[in-house]
C-alpha cells in the first residue's frame, strides 16, 4: 500500500514537472532595433512666448537586453515654428513691420531607460526615464516696413539666450510587435529642461516604427 502511494506521488511530481516545463518562457536573447519617429514638440513656460508647437523627427538605436528592460539612444531635429513678433529687433519698435517665415530649430540627444510591463508576448506597456542635451539653433526670418517711398526690407537673425539646455524626461508609452522584425511605439515624453536661467517644461507626443537588426 505504501509502495503504491509512493509511486502515485512520484507520478504526480513528474506530471507537474512536465506541465511546468511546458509553460516556461523561451530563453531570452537580446535584440537591437533601429527606429524612426515623428513627434510634436510643444513648449511650456517662458518658451510659450517664443515658440509654437512644431513637428520633429528622431532616429534611434533601441537595445532590448532583458525581457522587461530596454535602453534607447536618440538624436532629434525639429524645425521650430515661432511667435514671430517676439523676435522683432528692438530697433524696429513702433514701426509696425510685417514679419514672416520666422523659424528656429532644436537639436536633441537623449538616453532613455525603459521598464516594460507585458500584457502578452507582443504588446507591452512601459514607463521610461531619460536624460537630454538640447541645442536651440538661431531664429531667422524676413521683415518689411511700409509707409515710405521705398519699403525697407531686411532679415531677422536672433538667438535664443541661452541656446543650450539639459534636462530629464519621463515617458509612459506602449510598445507593440506587429512582426518578429517590426515594432511600433507610441509615447508622450514630458521634458523638464534647465538652461542656466529658467526651468522649462516641454511635451512631446510621438509615434515610432522600428526594424530589428538582430
Protein backbone atom coordinates (compact mmCIF):
# COMPACT_ATOMS: atom_id res chain seq x y z
CA UNK A 1 0.00 0.00 0.00
CA UNK A 2 2.75 2.43 0.92
CA UNK A 3 4.65 1.47 -2.21
CA UNK A 4 1.65 2.24 -4.43
CA UNK A 5 1.18 5.61 -2.70
CA UNK A 6 4.85 6.43 -3.21
CA UNK A 7 4.63 5.53 -6.91
CA UNK A 8 1.49 7.65 -7.27
CA UNK A 9 3.30 10.59 -5.59
CA UNK A 10 6.29 10.23 -7.98
CA UNK A 11 3.97 10.10 -10.99
CA UNK A 12 2.19 13.26 -9.79
CA UNK A 13 5.52 15.07 -9.38
CA UNK A 14 6.61 14.02 -12.87
CA UNK A 15 3.33 15.26 -14.32
CA UNK A 16 3.67 18.61 -12.55
CA UNK A 17 7.28 18.98 -13.70
CA UNK A 18 6.30 18.25 -17.30
CA UNK A 19 3.46 20.78 -17.10
CA UNK A 20 5.79 23.42 -15.61
CA UNK A 21 8.43 22.92 -18.32
CA UNK A 22 5.73 23.34 -20.94
CA UNK A 23 4.89 26.76 -19.52
CA UNK A 24 8.44 28.07 -19.27
CA UNK A 25 9.31 31.12 -21.39
CA UNK A 26 11.90 30.54 -24.11
CA UNK A 27 15.43 31.61 -23.27
CA UNK A 28 15.76 35.38 -23.74
CA UNK A 29 18.08 36.72 -26.44
CA UNK A 30 18.98 40.44 -26.61
CA UNK A 31 17.60 42.33 -29.61
CA UNK A 32 18.64 45.52 -31.37
CA UNK A 33 16.18 47.76 -33.24
CA UNK A 34 16.75 50.88 -35.30
CA UNK A 35 13.75 53.23 -35.18
CA UNK A 36 12.44 56.35 -36.87
CA UNK A 37 9.81 58.52 -35.22
CA UNK A 38 7.80 61.69 -35.67
CA UNK A 39 6.75 63.84 -32.74
CA UNK A 40 5.26 67.21 -31.87
CA UNK A 41 7.33 69.45 -29.60
CA UNK A 42 5.01 71.67 -27.56
CA UNK A 43 6.63 74.44 -25.50
CA UNK A 44 5.77 75.46 -21.97
CA UNK A 45 6.92 78.14 -19.55
CA UNK A 46 8.87 81.06 -20.98
CA UNK A 47 9.24 79.25 -24.31
CA UNK A 48 5.50 79.60 -24.92
CA UNK A 49 6.23 83.26 -25.70
CA UNK A 50 8.95 82.27 -28.19
CA UNK A 51 7.76 79.14 -29.99
CA UNK A 52 4.71 77.27 -31.22
CA UNK A 53 4.05 73.51 -31.38
CA UNK A 54 6.33 72.08 -34.07
CA UNK A 55 6.93 68.76 -35.82
CA UNK A 56 10.22 66.94 -35.21
CA UNK A 57 11.90 63.70 -36.32
CA UNK A 58 14.12 61.28 -34.42
CA UNK A 59 16.37 58.35 -35.25
CA UNK A 60 17.22 55.88 -32.50
CA UNK A 61 19.01 52.68 -31.59
CA UNK A 62 16.96 50.58 -29.16
CA UNK A 63 18.66 47.69 -27.34
CA UNK A 64 16.25 45.21 -25.72
CA UNK A 65 18.63 43.44 -23.35
CA UNK A 66 16.17 41.88 -20.90
CA UNK A 67 12.62 40.66 -21.35
CA UNK A 68 11.39 43.67 -19.34
CA UNK A 69 14.16 46.24 -19.97
CA UNK A 70 15.18 48.41 -22.93
CA UNK A 71 17.68 51.22 -23.41
CA UNK A 72 17.46 53.73 -26.25
CA UNK A 73 19.86 56.32 -27.67
CA UNK A 74 18.22 59.01 -29.84
CA UNK A 75 19.03 62.03 -31.97
CA UNK A 76 16.25 64.55 -32.75
CA UNK A 77 15.76 67.54 -35.03
CA UNK A 78 12.76 69.89 -35.08
CA UNK A 79 12.15 72.99 -37.17
CA UNK A 80 10.50 75.29 -34.64
CA UNK A 81 7.56 77.48 -35.57
CA UNK A 82 7.75 80.75 -33.68
CA UNK A 83 5.77 83.60 -32.21
CA UNK A 84 7.18 85.77 -34.98
CA UNK A 85 6.75 89.20 -33.37
CA UNK A 86 8.63 88.04 -30.27
CA UNK A 87 11.76 88.05 -32.46
CA UNK A 88 11.26 91.58 -33.83
CA UNK A 89 14.52 93.55 -33.46
CA UNK A 90 14.30 96.18 -30.72
CA UNK A 91 15.35 98.85 -33.25
CA UNK A 92 12.02 98.36 -35.08
CA UNK A 93 9.79 99.11 -32.05
CA UNK A 94 6.95 101.42 -33.05
CA UNK A 95 7.48 100.92 -36.81
CA UNK A 96 4.92 98.11 -37.29
CA UNK A 97 6.95 95.88 -39.61
CA UNK A 98 5.46 92.93 -41.45
CA UNK A 99 7.38 89.81 -40.33
CA UNK A 100 7.13 86.34 -41.94
CA UNK A 101 8.90 82.98 -42.42
CA UNK A 102 10.44 83.21 -38.95
CA UNK A 103 11.80 79.78 -37.94
CA UNK A 104 14.05 78.36 -35.27
CA UNK A 105 15.44 74.88 -34.72
CA UNK A 106 16.03 72.34 -31.99
CA UNK A 107 18.61 69.57 -31.81
CA UNK A 108 18.49 66.99 -29.01
CA UNK A 109 20.42 63.90 -27.92
CA UNK A 110 18.70 61.59 -25.44
CA UNK A 111 19.46 58.42 -23.49
CA UNK A 112 16.40 56.57 -22.17
CA UNK A 113 15.89 53.55 -19.90
CA UNK A 114 12.57 51.69 -20.15
CA UNK A 115 10.84 49.23 -17.85
CA UNK A 116 8.34 47.06 -19.76
CA UNK A 117 5.10 45.59 -18.44
CA UNK A 118 3.96 42.90 -20.92
CA UNK A 119 0.29 42.20 -21.49
CA UNK A 120 1.31 39.25 -23.71
CA UNK A 121 4.36 38.37 -25.81
CA UNK A 122 3.59 41.05 -28.43
CA UNK A 123 2.12 44.00 -26.53
CA UNK A 124 3.85 45.95 -23.78
CA UNK A 125 3.17 48.97 -21.63
CA UNK A 126 6.25 50.80 -20.37
CA UNK A 127 7.49 53.62 -18.20
CA UNK A 128 10.76 55.33 -19.15
CA UNK A 129 13.12 57.92 -17.74
CA UNK A 130 15.78 59.67 -19.77
CA UNK A 131 18.40 62.41 -19.92
CA UNK A 132 18.54 65.10 -22.64
CA UNK A 133 21.08 67.51 -24.12
CA UNK A 134 19.33 70.22 -26.15
CA UNK A 135 20.57 72.94 -28.50
CA UNK A 136 18.34 75.73 -29.84
CA UNK A 137 19.52 76.99 -33.22
CA UNK A 138 19.33 80.60 -34.45
CA UNK A 139 15.97 82.11 -35.36
CA UNK A 140 15.82 83.59 -38.85
CA UNK A 141 13.10 85.30 -40.86
CA UNK A 142 12.22 88.27 -43.04
CA UNK A 143 10.60 91.63 -42.39
CA UNK A 144 9.48 94.66 -44.37
CA UNK A 145 8.46 98.17 -43.31
CA UNK A 146 5.94 100.04 -45.44
CA UNK A 147 4.86 103.70 -45.40
CA UNK A 148 7.93 105.13 -47.08
CA UNK A 149 8.68 105.71 -50.75
CA UNK A 150 10.92 102.67 -50.77
CA UNK A 151 9.85 99.85 -48.39
CA UNK A 152 12.63 98.79 -46.02
CA UNK A 153 13.45 95.08 -46.32
CA UNK A 154 15.78 93.07 -44.12
CA UNK A 155 16.09 89.80 -42.21
CA UNK A 156 15.62 88.76 -38.60
CA UNK A 157 18.56 86.77 -37.22
CA UNK A 158 18.50 86.24 -33.46
CA UNK A 159 19.45 83.53 -30.99
CA UNK A 160 17.54 82.12 -28.07
CA UNK A 161 19.52 83.07 -24.98
CA UNK A 162 20.65 80.70 -23.50
CA UNK A 163 20.85 78.40 -26.53
CA UNK A 164 21.80 75.24 -24.58
CA UNK A 165 19.77 73.26 -22.08
CA UNK A 166 19.97 69.99 -20.17
CA UNK A 167 17.07 68.04 -18.80
CA UNK A 168 15.28 64.88 -17.82
CA UNK A 169 12.19 63.35 -19.35
CA UNK A 170 9.55 60.91 -18.17
CA UNK A 171 7.57 58.94 -20.74
CA UNK A 172 4.72 56.45 -20.38
CA UNK A 173 4.14 54.52 -23.58
CA UNK A 174 3.05 51.42 -25.47
CA UNK A 175 5.36 49.11 -27.46
CA UNK A 176 3.98 46.61 -29.99
CA UNK A 177 5.49 43.80 -32.05
CA UNK A 178 3.50 43.50 -35.29
CA UNK A 179 6.09 41.17 -36.81
CA UNK A 180 9.19 39.45 -35.38
CA UNK A 181 11.28 42.20 -37.02
CA UNK A 182 8.89 45.19 -36.92
CA UNK A 183 7.90 47.21 -33.86
CA UNK A 184 5.66 50.21 -33.24
CA UNK A 185 5.89 52.62 -30.35
CA UNK A 186 3.51 55.31 -29.04
CA UNK A 187 4.58 57.58 -26.20
CA UNK A 188 4.36 61.04 -24.63
CA UNK A 189 7.60 62.48 -23.29
CA UNK A 190 7.43 65.12 -20.59
CA UNK A 191 10.67 67.13 -20.80
CA UNK A 192 11.92 69.17 -17.85
CA UNK A 193 14.74 71.44 -19.11
CA UNK A 194 17.12 73.81 -17.38
CA UNK A 195 19.06 76.35 -19.44
CA UNK A 196 21.02 78.02 -16.64
CA UNK A 197 18.34 80.65 -16.07
CA UNK A 198 14.90 79.02 -16.21
CA UNK A 199 13.32 75.61 -15.68
CA UNK A 200 11.01 74.91 -18.61
CA UNK A 201 8.60 72.09 -19.42
CA UNK A 202 8.03 70.81 -22.97
CA UNK A 203 5.74 67.97 -24.06
CA UNK A 204 6.48 65.61 -26.96
CA UNK A 205 3.89 63.04 -28.10
CA UNK A 206 5.49 60.76 -30.70
CA UNK A 207 4.97 57.69 -32.89
CA UNK A 208 7.83 55.39 -33.94
CA UNK A 209 8.41 52.41 -36.23
CA UNK A 210 11.38 50.10 -35.61
CA UNK A 211 13.20 47.38 -37.51
CA UNK A 212 15.04 44.56 -35.78
CA UNK A 213 18.71 44.27 -36.79
CA UNK A 214 19.37 41.10 -34.76
